[in-house]
């Protein structure tokens, strides 16, 4: 096997939208980093049946709604 071709695989903490945390192994960041999720299985309509609204943290949803408001998609 070739040396130094694989990314560093280490333990990180994943923080869900409701604040719960769990540890997993990943190539994300570096050892001990935290990955905060904006959308996860507890909030995404695909898993919840559409009972929650998506949180628009980056403004993309607002831009989409403004662009297509004439079609009545809100």
N, C-alpha and C. Protein backbone atom coordinates (compact mmCIF):
# COMPACT_ATOMS: atom_id res chain seq x y z
N UNK A 1 0.84 -1.18 0.00
CA UNK A 1 0.00 0.00 0.00
C UNK A 1 0.89 1.25 0.00
N UNK A 2 0.51 2.24 -0.79
CA UNK A 2 1.29 3.47 -0.87
C UNK A 2 1.18 4.25 0.42
N UNK A 3 2.26 4.91 0.79
CA UNK A 3 2.28 5.72 2.01
C UNK A 3 1.81 7.14 1.69
N UNK A 4 1.21 7.78 2.68
CA UNK A 4 0.81 9.20 2.63
C UNK A 4 -0.20 9.54 1.52
N UNK A 5 -1.04 8.59 1.11
CA UNK A 5 -2.07 8.92 0.13
C UNK A 5 -3.46 8.97 0.76
N UNK A 6 -3.59 8.50 1.99
CA UNK A 6 -4.89 8.46 2.65
C UNK A 6 -5.05 9.67 3.57
N UNK A 7 -6.25 10.26 3.63
CA UNK A 7 -6.47 11.39 4.54
C UNK A 7 -6.43 10.94 5.99
N UNK A 8 -6.18 11.89 6.87
CA UNK A 8 -6.16 11.62 8.31
C UNK A 8 -7.57 11.28 8.78
N UNK A 9 -7.73 10.17 9.45
CA UNK A 9 -9.02 9.68 9.93
C UNK A 9 -9.00 9.77 11.45
N UNK A 10 -9.82 10.61 12.04
CA UNK A 10 -9.74 10.92 13.47
C UNK A 10 -11.15 11.10 14.05
N UNK A 11 -11.21 11.34 15.35
CA UNK A 11 -12.49 11.48 16.05
C UNK A 11 -12.91 12.95 16.10
N UNK A 12 -14.20 13.22 15.75
CA UNK A 12 -14.78 14.55 15.84
C UNK A 12 -16.10 14.46 16.60
N UNK A 13 -16.64 15.60 16.98
CA UNK A 13 -17.95 15.67 17.64
C UNK A 13 -18.95 16.28 16.66
N UNK A 14 -20.07 15.61 16.46
CA UNK A 14 -21.15 16.12 15.60
C UNK A 14 -22.23 16.68 16.51
N UNK A 15 -22.63 17.94 16.26
CA UNK A 15 -23.66 18.60 17.06
C UNK A 15 -24.90 18.75 16.20
N UNK A 16 -25.98 18.10 16.63
CA UNK A 16 -27.25 18.14 15.88
C UNK A 16 -27.94 19.48 16.12
N UNK A 17 -29.02 19.76 15.39
CA UNK A 17 -29.72 21.03 15.51
C UNK A 17 -30.40 21.20 16.87
N UNK A 18 -30.75 20.09 17.52
CA UNK A 18 -31.38 20.20 18.84
C UNK A 18 -30.37 20.24 19.98
N UNK A 19 -29.08 20.28 19.66
CA UNK A 19 -28.03 20.39 20.68
C UNK A 19 -27.42 19.07 21.11
N UNK A 20 -28.01 17.95 20.73
CA UNK A 20 -27.42 16.67 21.10
C UNK A 20 -26.12 16.48 20.34
N UNK A 21 -25.20 15.77 20.97
CA UNK A 21 -23.88 15.56 20.39
C UNK A 21 -23.56 14.08 20.37
N UNK A 22 -22.74 13.69 19.42
CA UNK A 22 -22.18 12.35 19.43
C UNK A 22 -20.81 12.39 18.78
N UNK A 23 -19.99 11.45 19.12
CA UNK A 23 -18.65 11.36 18.59
C UNK A 23 -18.62 10.32 17.48
N UNK A 24 -17.87 10.63 16.43
CA UNK A 24 -17.71 9.72 15.31
C UNK A 24 -16.32 9.92 14.74
N UNK A 25 -15.94 9.05 13.83
CA UNK A 25 -14.65 9.19 13.17
C UNK A 25 -14.89 9.73 11.76
N UNK A 26 -14.00 10.65 11.34
CA UNK A 26 -14.19 11.31 10.06
C UNK A 26 -12.87 11.87 9.55
N UNK A 27 -12.88 12.31 8.30
CA UNK A 27 -11.73 13.03 7.74
C UNK A 27 -11.96 14.53 7.81
N UNK A 28 -13.10 14.97 8.36
CA UNK A 28 -13.43 16.39 8.49
C UNK A 28 -12.51 17.06 9.51
N UNK A 29 -11.97 18.22 9.19
CA UNK A 29 -11.18 19.01 10.13
C UNK A 29 -9.99 18.27 10.69
N UNK A 30 -9.78 18.50 12.00
CA UNK A 30 -8.69 17.82 12.67
C UNK A 30 -9.19 17.21 13.98
N UNK A 31 -8.39 16.45 14.63
CA UNK A 31 -8.76 15.73 15.86
C UNK A 31 -9.41 16.68 16.87
N UNK A 32 -10.61 16.32 17.34
CA UNK A 32 -11.30 17.10 18.36
C UNK A 32 -12.19 18.21 17.83
N UNK A 33 -12.23 18.45 16.52
CA UNK A 33 -13.10 19.49 15.96
C UNK A 33 -14.57 19.13 16.12
N UNK A 34 -15.43 20.14 16.00
CA UNK A 34 -16.87 19.94 16.08
C UNK A 34 -17.50 20.28 14.74
N UNK A 35 -18.48 19.50 14.32
CA UNK A 35 -19.23 19.73 13.10
C UNK A 35 -20.66 20.03 13.52
N UNK A 36 -21.10 21.28 13.31
CA UNK A 36 -22.46 21.69 13.68
C UNK A 36 -23.35 21.58 12.45
N UNK A 37 -24.43 20.81 12.57
CA UNK A 37 -25.33 20.57 11.45
C UNK A 37 -26.43 21.61 11.40
N UNK A 38 -26.75 22.10 10.19
CA UNK A 38 -27.89 23.00 9.99
C UNK A 38 -29.16 22.20 9.75
N UNK A 39 -29.03 21.07 9.07
CA UNK A 39 -30.16 20.20 8.78
C UNK A 39 -29.75 18.78 9.14
N UNK A 40 -30.60 18.09 9.88
CA UNK A 40 -30.31 16.70 10.26
C UNK A 40 -31.62 15.92 10.28
N UNK A 41 -31.58 14.64 10.55
CA UNK A 41 -32.80 13.82 10.53
C UNK A 41 -33.88 14.26 11.52
N UNK A 42 -33.54 15.06 12.53
CA UNK A 42 -34.56 15.51 13.47
C UNK A 42 -35.34 16.72 12.96
N UNK A 43 -34.83 17.42 11.92
CA UNK A 43 -35.51 18.62 11.43
C UNK A 43 -35.85 18.57 9.96
N UNK A 44 -35.25 17.71 9.18
CA UNK A 44 -35.48 17.72 7.74
C UNK A 44 -36.83 17.08 7.40
N UNK A 45 -37.63 17.72 6.56
CA UNK A 45 -38.96 17.21 6.23
C UNK A 45 -38.97 15.81 5.62
N UNK A 46 -37.89 15.42 4.98
CA UNK A 46 -37.85 14.08 4.39
C UNK A 46 -37.96 13.00 5.46
N UNK A 47 -37.47 13.28 6.67
CA UNK A 47 -37.54 12.30 7.76
C UNK A 47 -38.68 12.58 8.74
N UNK A 48 -39.13 13.83 8.81
CA UNK A 48 -40.13 14.19 9.81
C UNK A 48 -41.54 14.23 9.26
N UNK A 49 -41.68 14.10 7.96
CA UNK A 49 -43.01 14.17 7.36
C UNK A 49 -43.48 15.58 7.11
N UNK A 50 -42.56 16.55 7.14
CA UNK A 50 -42.90 17.93 6.83
C UNK A 50 -43.46 18.72 7.98
N UNK A 51 -43.28 18.26 9.22
CA UNK A 51 -43.84 18.99 10.36
C UNK A 51 -42.98 20.17 10.76
N UNK A 52 -41.70 20.20 10.37
CA UNK A 52 -40.80 21.30 10.72
C UNK A 52 -40.51 22.14 9.49
N UNK A 53 -40.17 23.39 9.73
CA UNK A 53 -39.75 24.28 8.64
C UNK A 53 -38.23 24.28 8.59
N UNK A 54 -37.68 24.41 7.39
CA UNK A 54 -36.24 24.48 7.24
C UNK A 54 -35.73 25.83 7.76
N UNK A 55 -34.61 25.82 8.46
CA UNK A 55 -34.01 27.03 8.98
C UNK A 55 -33.13 27.63 7.90
N UNK A 56 -33.42 28.85 7.49
CA UNK A 56 -32.69 29.50 6.41
C UNK A 56 -31.57 30.34 6.99
N UNK A 57 -30.39 29.73 7.20
CA UNK A 57 -29.29 30.46 7.80
C UNK A 57 -28.48 31.24 6.79
N UNK A 58 -28.50 30.84 5.52
CA UNK A 58 -27.66 31.51 4.53
C UNK A 58 -28.40 32.45 3.61
N UNK A 59 -29.72 32.53 3.70
CA UNK A 59 -30.48 33.42 2.86
C UNK A 59 -30.88 32.85 1.52
N UNK A 60 -30.48 31.63 1.20
CA UNK A 60 -30.80 31.04 -0.09
C UNK A 60 -32.30 30.83 -0.25
N UNK A 61 -32.95 30.38 0.80
CA UNK A 61 -34.39 30.15 0.73
C UNK A 61 -35.14 31.47 0.52
N UNK A 62 -34.70 32.52 1.18
CA UNK A 62 -35.34 33.83 1.01
C UNK A 62 -35.16 34.34 -0.41
N UNK A 63 -33.96 34.17 -0.99
CA UNK A 63 -33.73 34.59 -2.37
C UNK A 63 -34.59 33.80 -3.34
N UNK A 64 -34.72 32.50 -3.09
CA UNK A 64 -35.55 31.66 -3.95
C UNK A 64 -37.00 32.11 -3.89
N UNK A 65 -37.50 32.33 -2.67
CA UNK A 65 -38.90 32.76 -2.51
C UNK A 65 -39.15 34.10 -3.20
N UNK A 66 -38.20 35.03 -3.09
CA UNK A 66 -38.37 36.33 -3.72
C UNK A 66 -38.35 36.21 -5.24
N UNK A 67 -37.47 35.37 -5.75
CA UNK A 67 -37.33 35.21 -7.20
C UNK A 67 -38.57 34.58 -7.83
N UNK A 68 -39.19 33.63 -7.11
CA UNK A 68 -40.31 32.90 -7.68
C UNK A 68 -41.64 33.20 -6.99
N UNK A 69 -41.77 34.35 -6.32
CA UNK A 69 -42.99 34.67 -5.60
C UNK A 69 -44.19 34.83 -6.54
N UNK A 70 -43.96 35.21 -7.80
CA UNK A 70 -45.07 35.39 -8.73
C UNK A 70 -45.74 34.07 -9.09
N UNK A 71 -45.08 32.95 -8.81
CA UNK A 71 -45.65 31.65 -9.09
C UNK A 71 -46.45 31.09 -7.91
N UNK A 72 -46.45 31.81 -6.78
CA UNK A 72 -47.20 31.38 -5.61
C UNK A 72 -46.61 30.15 -4.93
N UNK A 73 -45.29 30.08 -4.84
CA UNK A 73 -44.63 28.90 -4.27
C UNK A 73 -44.39 29.02 -2.77
N UNK A 74 -44.78 30.10 -2.14
CA UNK A 74 -44.48 30.25 -0.71
C UNK A 74 -45.22 29.31 0.15
